[in-house]
Amino acid sequence: MTDTAPLFDPVDPPDAAVARQARERQASLTKPAGSLGRLETLGAWVASCQGVCPPRPFERARVVVFAGDHGVARHGVSAYPPEVTAQMVANIRAGGAAVNALAAVAGATVRVVDMAVDADTDDAVSDRKVRRSSGSIDREDALTEDEVRAALAAGKAIADEEIDGGADLLIAGDMGIGNTTPATVLIAAITTTEPVAAVGRGTGVDDAGWMRKTAAVRDAMRRARPVVKDPVALLRTSGGADLAAMTGFLIQAAVRRTPVVLDGLVVSAAALVAHDLSVGASAWWVAGHRSTEPAHSLALAHLRLEPLLEMSMRLGEGSGAVVALPILSGAVATLAEMATFDDAGVSTRDA
């Protein structure tokens, strides 16, 4: 097994006592018990993450989009050419992507970081770049041992930067042509699922593209099999610098007691690895939505997370998580701002 002890501190669980306080407060609010459904559960979860009841509204929700190219994209597994990754990094920086528009509505801000884009990008986004493009995982390792550890450390450092800068809720997003292929490999390998049951259409490949993608996933899973029980080695063999950085980001958010809204397939693949690498980290995450990619449902089931939304989305970028963010904010608002029966002078059912 790879030595990971120096990378991450242990994860403490959200505050169970505060969660109980939140449930007791829910019972005193001016509504029938349980009538707000999952909003009540979510409100208690946020309170337990913050360690205070009633919970505070989110003041600085932050999206970090991890960008990287993958060598497997050169083998016909995507409907778009690899150079789109660098172009979309520039688009996100300029505020022109879907995640920018959706984040503005949800009250979040967006940062993009280049972990392995196969092009030169601005110094403002590439200061933690590990390499240009990860390896083609159907025939070679994605990263070297030094590179995978550098990417994990970068994700950890980025989480620290955001939290130290005031972020009180984090969202990881992804950008990379071909990245659903390694994501599917990670999920299928961890959940022991056959490629044909896990591979989706990604950016919208046709039948021939789907067959090429399925073959690539099959070959990559064969290479992954010997290391599937070693999360770091699995990222090195079958992931990529962007996926490894997301893994470190998700773990460190949990170490720093900061809630995370997970996005779709690629982020959830990193979450699966993070779950295996750091005991208890998943208690700090909630699933924003369910992607149309079949492997995403496999990942959510493995993590035992029920998504907040089902909108038939498959864009990535953090877009599905951002769409779900107002629901989480609503859960906080109802728990914190509703009057109790006593405060409002409203009779209870028992009265």
Protein backbone atom coordinates (compact mmCIF):
# COMPACT_ATOMS: atom_id res chain seq x y z
CA MET A 1 0.00 0.00 0.00
CA THR A 2 1.17 3.55 -0.75
CA ASP A 3 2.20 5.55 2.32
CA THR A 4 -0.37 8.35 2.66
CA ALA A 5 0.13 9.24 6.33
CA PRO A 6 1.92 12.56 5.64
CA LEU A 7 -0.77 13.78 3.25
CA PHE A 8 -3.93 14.24 5.33
CA ASP A 9 -4.90 14.64 8.95
CA PRO A 10 -7.74 12.49 10.37
CA VAL A 11 -11.31 13.59 9.70
CA ASP A 12 -13.62 14.31 12.64
CA PRO A 13 -17.37 13.81 12.12
CA PRO A 14 -19.88 16.66 12.05
CA ASP A 15 -21.16 17.62 15.51
CA ALA A 16 -23.79 15.06 16.53
CA ALA A 17 -24.94 17.10 19.53
CA VAL A 18 -25.65 20.11 17.33
CA ALA A 19 -27.53 17.87 14.90
CA ARG A 20 -29.78 16.81 17.79
CA GLN A 21 -30.34 20.45 18.70
CA ALA A 22 -31.31 21.16 15.10
CA ARG A 23 -33.82 18.31 15.06
CA GLU A 24 -35.31 19.57 18.33
CA ARG A 25 -35.57 23.06 16.89
CA GLN A 26 -37.26 21.69 13.76
CA ALA A 27 -39.93 20.18 15.99
CA SER A 28 -40.65 23.59 17.55
CA LEU A 29 -41.02 25.55 14.29
CA THR A 30 -44.38 26.74 12.96
CA LYS A 31 -45.10 23.77 10.67
CA PRO A 32 -46.28 20.20 10.98
CA ALA A 33 -43.45 17.89 12.01
CA GLY A 34 -41.51 16.66 8.98
CA SER A 35 -43.50 18.79 6.54
CA LEU A 36 -40.39 20.30 4.94
CA GLY A 37 -39.06 16.84 4.09
CA ARG A 38 -35.38 16.72 3.18
CA LEU A 39 -34.96 20.42 3.89
CA GLU A 40 -35.16 19.52 7.56
CA THR A 41 -32.46 16.87 7.24
CA LEU A 42 -30.25 19.18 5.22
CA GLY A 43 -30.65 22.01 7.71
CA ALA A 44 -29.58 19.74 10.55
CA TRP A 45 -26.60 18.56 8.49
CA VAL A 46 -25.40 22.10 7.83
CA ALA A 47 -25.81 22.96 11.50
CA SER A 48 -23.75 19.93 12.50
CA CYS A 49 -21.05 20.89 9.99
CA GLN A 50 -20.93 24.45 11.30
CA GLY A 51 -21.14 23.30 14.92
CA VAL A 52 -23.89 25.77 15.76
CA CYS A 53 -27.69 25.80 15.83
CA PRO A 54 -29.38 27.61 14.26
CA PRO A 55 -26.96 27.45 11.31
CA ARG A 56 -25.49 30.52 9.67
CA PRO A 57 -26.31 31.43 6.06
CA PHE A 58 -23.51 30.76 3.60
CA GLU A 59 -21.48 33.90 3.07
CA ARG A 60 -18.83 32.68 0.64
CA ALA A 61 -19.76 29.63 -1.39
CA ARG A 62 -16.87 28.86 -3.70
CA VAL A 63 -16.62 26.73 -6.86
CA VAL A 64 -13.19 25.44 -7.85
CA VAL A 65 -13.04 23.93 -11.35
CA PHE A 66 -10.13 21.50 -11.79
CA ALA A 67 -9.01 21.36 -15.43
CA GLY A 68 -6.91 18.70 -17.10
CA ASP A 69 -6.43 16.86 -20.36
CA HIS A 70 -6.23 13.09 -20.72
CA GLY A 71 -4.23 11.15 -23.26
CA VAL A 72 -7.13 8.80 -23.89
CA ALA A 73 -9.02 11.71 -25.51
CA ARG A 74 -6.70 11.30 -28.52
CA HIS A 75 -8.30 7.92 -29.22
CA GLY A 76 -11.81 8.94 -30.17
CA VAL A 77 -13.63 8.68 -26.83
CA SER A 78 -15.08 12.21 -26.94
CA ALA A 79 -17.24 14.19 -29.34
CA TYR A 80 -14.94 17.21 -28.93
CA PRO A 81 -11.23 17.71 -29.73
CA PRO A 82 -8.78 17.96 -26.80
CA GLU A 83 -7.90 21.60 -27.50
CA VAL A 84 -11.35 22.56 -26.19
CA THR A 85 -10.09 22.11 -22.61
CA ALA A 86 -7.72 25.08 -22.77
CA GLN A 87 -10.33 27.13 -24.62
CA MET A 88 -12.90 26.43 -21.92
CA VAL A 89 -10.45 27.31 -19.16
CA ALA A 90 -10.18 30.73 -20.78
CA ASN A 91 -13.95 30.90 -21.13
CA ILE A 92 -14.49 30.14 -17.44
CA ARG A 93 -11.91 32.75 -16.48
CA ALA A 94 -13.74 35.27 -18.65
CA GLY A 95 -17.07 34.43 -17.00
CA GLY A 96 -18.66 32.93 -20.11
CA ALA A 97 -19.33 29.33 -19.06
CA ALA A 98 -22.52 27.80 -17.71
CA VAL A 99 -20.99 27.48 -14.25
CA ASN A 100 -20.34 31.23 -14.17
CA ALA A 101 -23.93 32.07 -15.04
CA LEU A 102 -25.38 29.56 -12.60
CA ALA A 103 -23.01 30.53 -9.80
CA ALA A 104 -24.03 34.17 -10.15
CA VAL A 105 -27.65 33.19 -9.60
CA ALA A 106 -26.77 30.97 -6.63
CA GLY A 107 -24.52 33.54 -4.96
CA ALA A 108 -21.26 31.62 -5.46
CA THR A 109 -17.96 32.62 -7.02
CA VAL A 110 -15.83 30.56 -9.40
CA ARG A 111 -12.13 29.76 -9.65
CA VAL A 112 -10.50 27.54 -12.30
CA VAL A 113 -7.15 25.81 -11.83
CA ASP A 114 -5.03 24.12 -14.51
CA MET A 115 -3.74 20.77 -13.22
CA ALA A 116 -2.87 19.07 -16.51
CA VAL A 117 -4.13 21.08 -19.49
CA ASP A 118 -2.19 20.16 -22.64
CA ALA A 119 -1.40 23.80 -23.40
CA ASP A 120 0.20 26.80 -21.79
CA THR A 121 -2.30 28.70 -19.65
CA ASP A 122 -2.08 31.92 -17.70
CA ASP A 123 0.12 31.93 -14.60
CA ALA A 124 -2.94 32.84 -12.54
CA VAL A 125 -4.43 29.37 -13.11
CA SER A 126 -1.35 27.19 -13.65
CA ASP A 127 0.73 27.81 -10.53
CA ARG A 128 0.00 24.26 -9.28
CA LYS A 129 0.07 22.52 -12.67
CA VAL A 130 1.51 18.99 -12.46
CA ARG A 131 2.06 18.19 -16.14
CA ARG A 132 0.66 18.70 -19.65
CA SER A 133 -2.01 16.01 -20.12
CA SER A 134 -2.24 12.85 -18.09
CA GLY A 135 -1.26 9.58 -19.74
CA SER A 136 -3.58 7.48 -21.91
CA ILE A 137 -4.84 5.13 -19.21
CA ASP A 138 -5.82 2.31 -21.56
CA ARG A 139 -2.13 1.73 -22.34
CA GLU A 140 -0.01 3.63 -19.78
CA ASP A 141 -0.21 5.10 -16.30
CA ALA A 142 -1.89 8.46 -15.94
CA LEU A 143 0.83 9.83 -13.65
CA THR A 144 4.11 8.99 -11.99
CA GLU A 145 4.29 8.41 -8.24
CA ASP A 146 5.72 11.89 -7.69
CA GLU A 147 3.05 13.47 -9.87
CA VAL A 148 0.10 11.82 -8.13
CA ARG A 149 1.36 12.92 -4.75
CA ALA A 150 1.98 16.44 -6.08
CA ALA A 151 -1.59 16.58 -7.41
CA LEU A 152 -3.06 15.35 -4.11
CA ALA A 153 -1.00 17.95 -2.26
CA ALA A 154 -2.14 20.65 -4.69
CA GLY A 155 -5.80 19.81 -4.07
CA LYS A 156 -5.19 19.92 -0.33
CA ALA A 157 -3.45 23.30 -0.60
CA ILE A 158 -6.23 24.73 -2.78
CA ALA A 159 -8.85 23.72 -0.20
CA ASP A 160 -6.76 25.38 2.51
CA GLU A 161 -6.43 28.55 0.42
CA GLU A 162 -10.17 28.79 -0.13
CA ILE A 163 -11.11 28.06 3.48
CA ASP A 164 -8.46 30.41 4.85
CA GLY A 165 -9.87 33.01 2.45
CA GLY A 166 -13.31 32.70 4.04
CA ALA A 167 -15.08 29.99 2.02
CA ASP A 168 -17.77 28.36 4.15
CA LEU A 169 -19.03 25.95 1.48
CA LEU A 170 -17.07 24.36 -1.35
CA ILE A 171 -17.99 22.89 -4.72
CA ALA A 172 -15.54 21.02 -6.92
CA GLY A 173 -16.06 21.20 -10.66
CA ASP A 174 -14.26 19.59 -13.60
CA MET A 175 -13.20 20.62 -17.08
CA GLY A 176 -11.38 18.29 -19.43
CA ILE A 177 -12.15 16.66 -22.75
CA GLY A 178 -12.13 12.89 -22.23
CA ASN A 179 -12.30 13.10 -18.44
CA THR A 180 -15.43 10.96 -18.18
CA THR A 181 -13.34 8.00 -19.37
CA PRO A 182 -10.95 7.89 -16.39
CA ALA A 183 -13.83 8.81 -14.09
CA THR A 184 -15.80 5.83 -15.35
CA VAL A 185 -12.76 3.58 -14.96
CA LEU A 186 -12.33 4.62 -11.31
CA ILE A 187 -16.00 4.11 -10.49
CA ALA A 188 -16.36 0.81 -12.36
CA ALA A 189 -13.15 -0.53 -10.81
CA ILE A 190 -14.15 0.40 -7.25
CA THR A 191 -17.73 -0.85 -7.63
CA THR A 192 -16.72 -3.93 -9.67
CA THR A 193 -19.05 -3.02 -12.54
CA GLU A 194 -18.68 -4.25 -16.12
CA PRO A 195 -17.70 -1.51 -18.60
CA VAL A 196 -20.85 -1.86 -20.71
CA ALA A 197 -22.97 -1.10 -17.64
CA ALA A 198 -20.91 1.93 -16.63
CA VAL A 199 -20.01 3.75 -19.85
CA GLY A 200 -22.21 6.65 -20.93
CA ARG A 201 -22.23 9.08 -23.83
CA GLY A 202 -20.08 11.73 -22.13
CA THR A 203 -20.02 14.80 -24.37
CA GLY A 204 -22.43 13.06 -26.74
CA VAL A 205 -20.48 10.43 -28.66
CA ASP A 206 -22.21 8.36 -31.33
CA ASP A 207 -22.42 4.56 -31.27
CA ALA A 208 -18.95 4.12 -32.73
CA GLY A 209 -17.53 6.54 -30.18
CA TRP A 210 -19.33 4.72 -27.37
CA MET A 211 -17.75 1.45 -28.50
CA ARG A 212 -14.30 3.02 -28.60
CA LYS A 213 -14.87 4.50 -25.15
CA THR A 214 -16.09 1.16 -23.76
CA ALA A 215 -13.02 -0.60 -25.14
CA ALA A 216 -10.75 2.02 -23.58
CA VAL A 217 -12.50 1.65 -20.22
CA ARG A 218 -12.17 -2.13 -20.46
CA ASP A 219 -8.45 -1.94 -21.17
CA ALA A 220 -7.89 0.65 -18.44
CA MET A 221 -9.82 -1.44 -15.92
CA ARG A 222 -7.57 -4.39 -16.72
CA ARG A 223 -4.56 -2.22 -15.86
CA ALA A 224 -6.29 -0.91 -12.73
CA ARG A 225 -7.23 -4.28 -11.29
CA PRO A 226 -3.94 -4.96 -9.41
CA VAL A 227 -4.10 -1.60 -7.57
CA VAL A 228 -7.82 -1.16 -6.97
CA LYS A 229 -7.38 -1.48 -3.18
CA ASP A 230 -4.71 1.23 -3.08
CA PRO A 231 -6.40 4.63 -3.69
CA VAL A 232 -3.22 6.57 -4.48
CA ALA A 233 -1.91 3.89 -6.83
CA LEU A 234 -5.33 3.75 -8.49
CA LEU A 235 -5.20 7.50 -9.17
CA ARG A 236 -1.68 7.13 -10.51
CA THR A 237 -2.63 4.28 -12.82
CA SER A 238 -6.14 5.20 -13.91
CA GLY A 239 -6.97 8.76 -12.89
CA GLY A 240 -5.15 11.96 -13.75
CA ALA A 241 -3.79 15.09 -12.13
CA ASP A 242 -7.20 16.79 -12.11
CA LEU A 243 -8.90 13.80 -10.48
CA ALA A 244 -6.11 13.44 -7.92
CA ALA A 245 -6.29 17.13 -7.06
CA MET A 246 -10.07 16.90 -6.63
CA THR A 247 -9.52 13.94 -4.32
CA GLY A 248 -7.15 15.94 -2.14
CA PHE A 249 -9.51 18.92 -2.22
CA LEU A 250 -12.48 16.86 -1.01
CA ILE A 251 -10.52 15.22 1.79
CA GLN A 252 -9.02 18.46 3.04
CA ALA A 253 -12.42 20.16 3.05
CA ALA A 254 -13.57 17.42 5.44
CA VAL A 255 -10.41 17.76 7.54
CA ARG A 256 -11.16 21.51 7.78
CA ARG A 257 -14.82 20.85 8.72
CA THR A 258 -16.19 22.56 5.62
CA PRO A 259 -19.28 21.18 3.83
CA VAL A 260 -19.06 20.26 0.15
CA VAL A 261 -21.71 19.91 -2.53
CA LEU A 262 -20.62 17.22 -4.99
CA ASP A 263 -21.24 17.66 -8.70
CA GLY A 264 -21.59 14.91 -11.27
CA LEU A 265 -19.66 11.96 -12.66
CA VAL A 266 -16.07 13.22 -12.57
CA VAL A 267 -16.23 14.83 -9.13
CA SER A 268 -18.02 11.79 -7.74
CA ALA A 269 -15.29 9.53 -9.10
CA ALA A 270 -12.78 11.57 -7.11
CA ALA A 271 -15.12 11.36 -4.13
CA LEU A 272 -15.12 7.56 -4.33
CA VAL A 273 -11.33 7.51 -4.16
CA ALA A 274 -11.36 10.10 -1.36
CA HIS A 275 -13.87 7.96 0.54
CA ASP A 276 -11.48 5.00 0.37
CA LEU A 277 -8.45 7.13 1.23
CA SER A 278 -9.86 9.07 4.20
CA VAL A 279 -12.26 7.46 6.66
CA GLY A 280 -15.24 9.67 7.43
CA ALA A 281 -14.69 12.30 4.74
CA SER A 282 -18.00 11.54 3.03
CA ALA A 283 -19.93 12.75 6.11
CA TRP A 284 -19.03 16.27 4.99
CA TRP A 285 -20.46 15.92 1.48
CA VAL A 286 -23.92 16.14 -0.04
CA ALA A 287 -24.75 15.15 -3.63
CA GLY A 288 -26.03 18.06 -5.67
CA HIS A 289 -27.62 16.16 -8.54
CA ARG A 290 -27.72 12.93 -10.49
CA SER A 291 -26.03 12.96 -13.87
CA THR A 292 -27.40 11.04 -16.84
CA GLU A 293 -24.11 9.11 -16.92
CA PRO A 294 -24.77 5.58 -15.61
CA ALA A 295 -21.52 5.47 -13.63
CA HIS A 296 -22.67 8.46 -11.59
CA SER A 297 -25.56 6.50 -10.13
CA LEU A 298 -23.11 3.71 -9.28
CA ALA A 299 -20.91 6.19 -7.41
CA LEU A 300 -23.82 7.73 -5.51
CA ALA A 301 -25.07 4.30 -4.45
CA HIS A 302 -21.58 3.33 -3.25
CA LEU A 303 -21.32 6.57 -1.24
CA ARG A 304 -24.91 6.18 0.02
CA LEU A 305 -25.76 9.69 -1.08
CA GLU A 306 -29.17 10.73 -2.37
CA PRO A 307 -28.95 13.63 -4.86
CA LEU A 308 -30.86 16.84 -4.25
CA LEU A 309 -31.85 17.21 -7.90
CA GLU A 310 -32.53 15.11 -10.98
CA MET A 311 -32.33 17.51 -13.92
CA SER A 312 -30.86 15.23 -16.64
CA MET A 313 -27.64 17.28 -16.56
CA ARG A 314 -24.24 15.99 -17.69
CA LEU A 315 -22.19 19.15 -18.26
CA GLY A 316 -19.73 19.04 -15.38
CA GLU A 317 -17.95 22.29 -14.40
CA GLY A 318 -19.71 22.08 -11.01
CA SER A 319 -22.94 23.18 -12.74
CA GLY A 320 -25.28 20.61 -11.17
CA ALA A 321 -23.97 21.30 -7.68
CA VAL A 322 -24.42 25.05 -8.17
CA VAL A 323 -28.02 24.54 -9.29
CA ALA A 324 -28.62 22.62 -6.04
CA LEU A 325 -27.00 25.27 -3.83
CA PRO A 326 -30.19 27.39 -3.33
CA ILE A 327 -31.92 24.30 -1.95
CA LEU A 328 -29.23 23.98 0.70
CA SER A 329 -29.48 27.70 1.43
CA GLY A 330 -33.24 27.32 1.79
CA ALA A 331 -32.73 24.51 4.29
CA VAL A 332 -30.51 26.80 6.36
CA ALA A 333 -32.96 29.70 6.12
CA THR A 334 -35.99 27.72 7.26
CA LEU A 335 -34.16 26.28 10.25
CA ALA A 336 -32.61 29.60 11.25
CA GLU A 337 -35.33 32.13 10.42
CA MET A 338 -38.71 30.48 10.96
CA ALA A 339 -40.52 31.38 14.16
CA THR A 340 -41.21 28.78 16.82
CA PHE A 341 -44.77 28.07 17.97
CA ASP A 342 -44.07 29.93 21.21
CA ASP A 343 -42.50 32.95 19.50
CA ALA A 344 -45.34 33.30 17.01
CA GLY A 345 -48.14 32.54 19.42
CA VAL A 346 -49.34 29.71 17.20
CA SER A 347 -51.09 26.75 18.81
CA THR A 348 -49.43 23.39 18.54
CA ARG A 349 -51.24 20.27 17.42
CA ASP A 350 -51.34 19.03 21.02
CA ALA A 351 -52.90 22.29 22.23
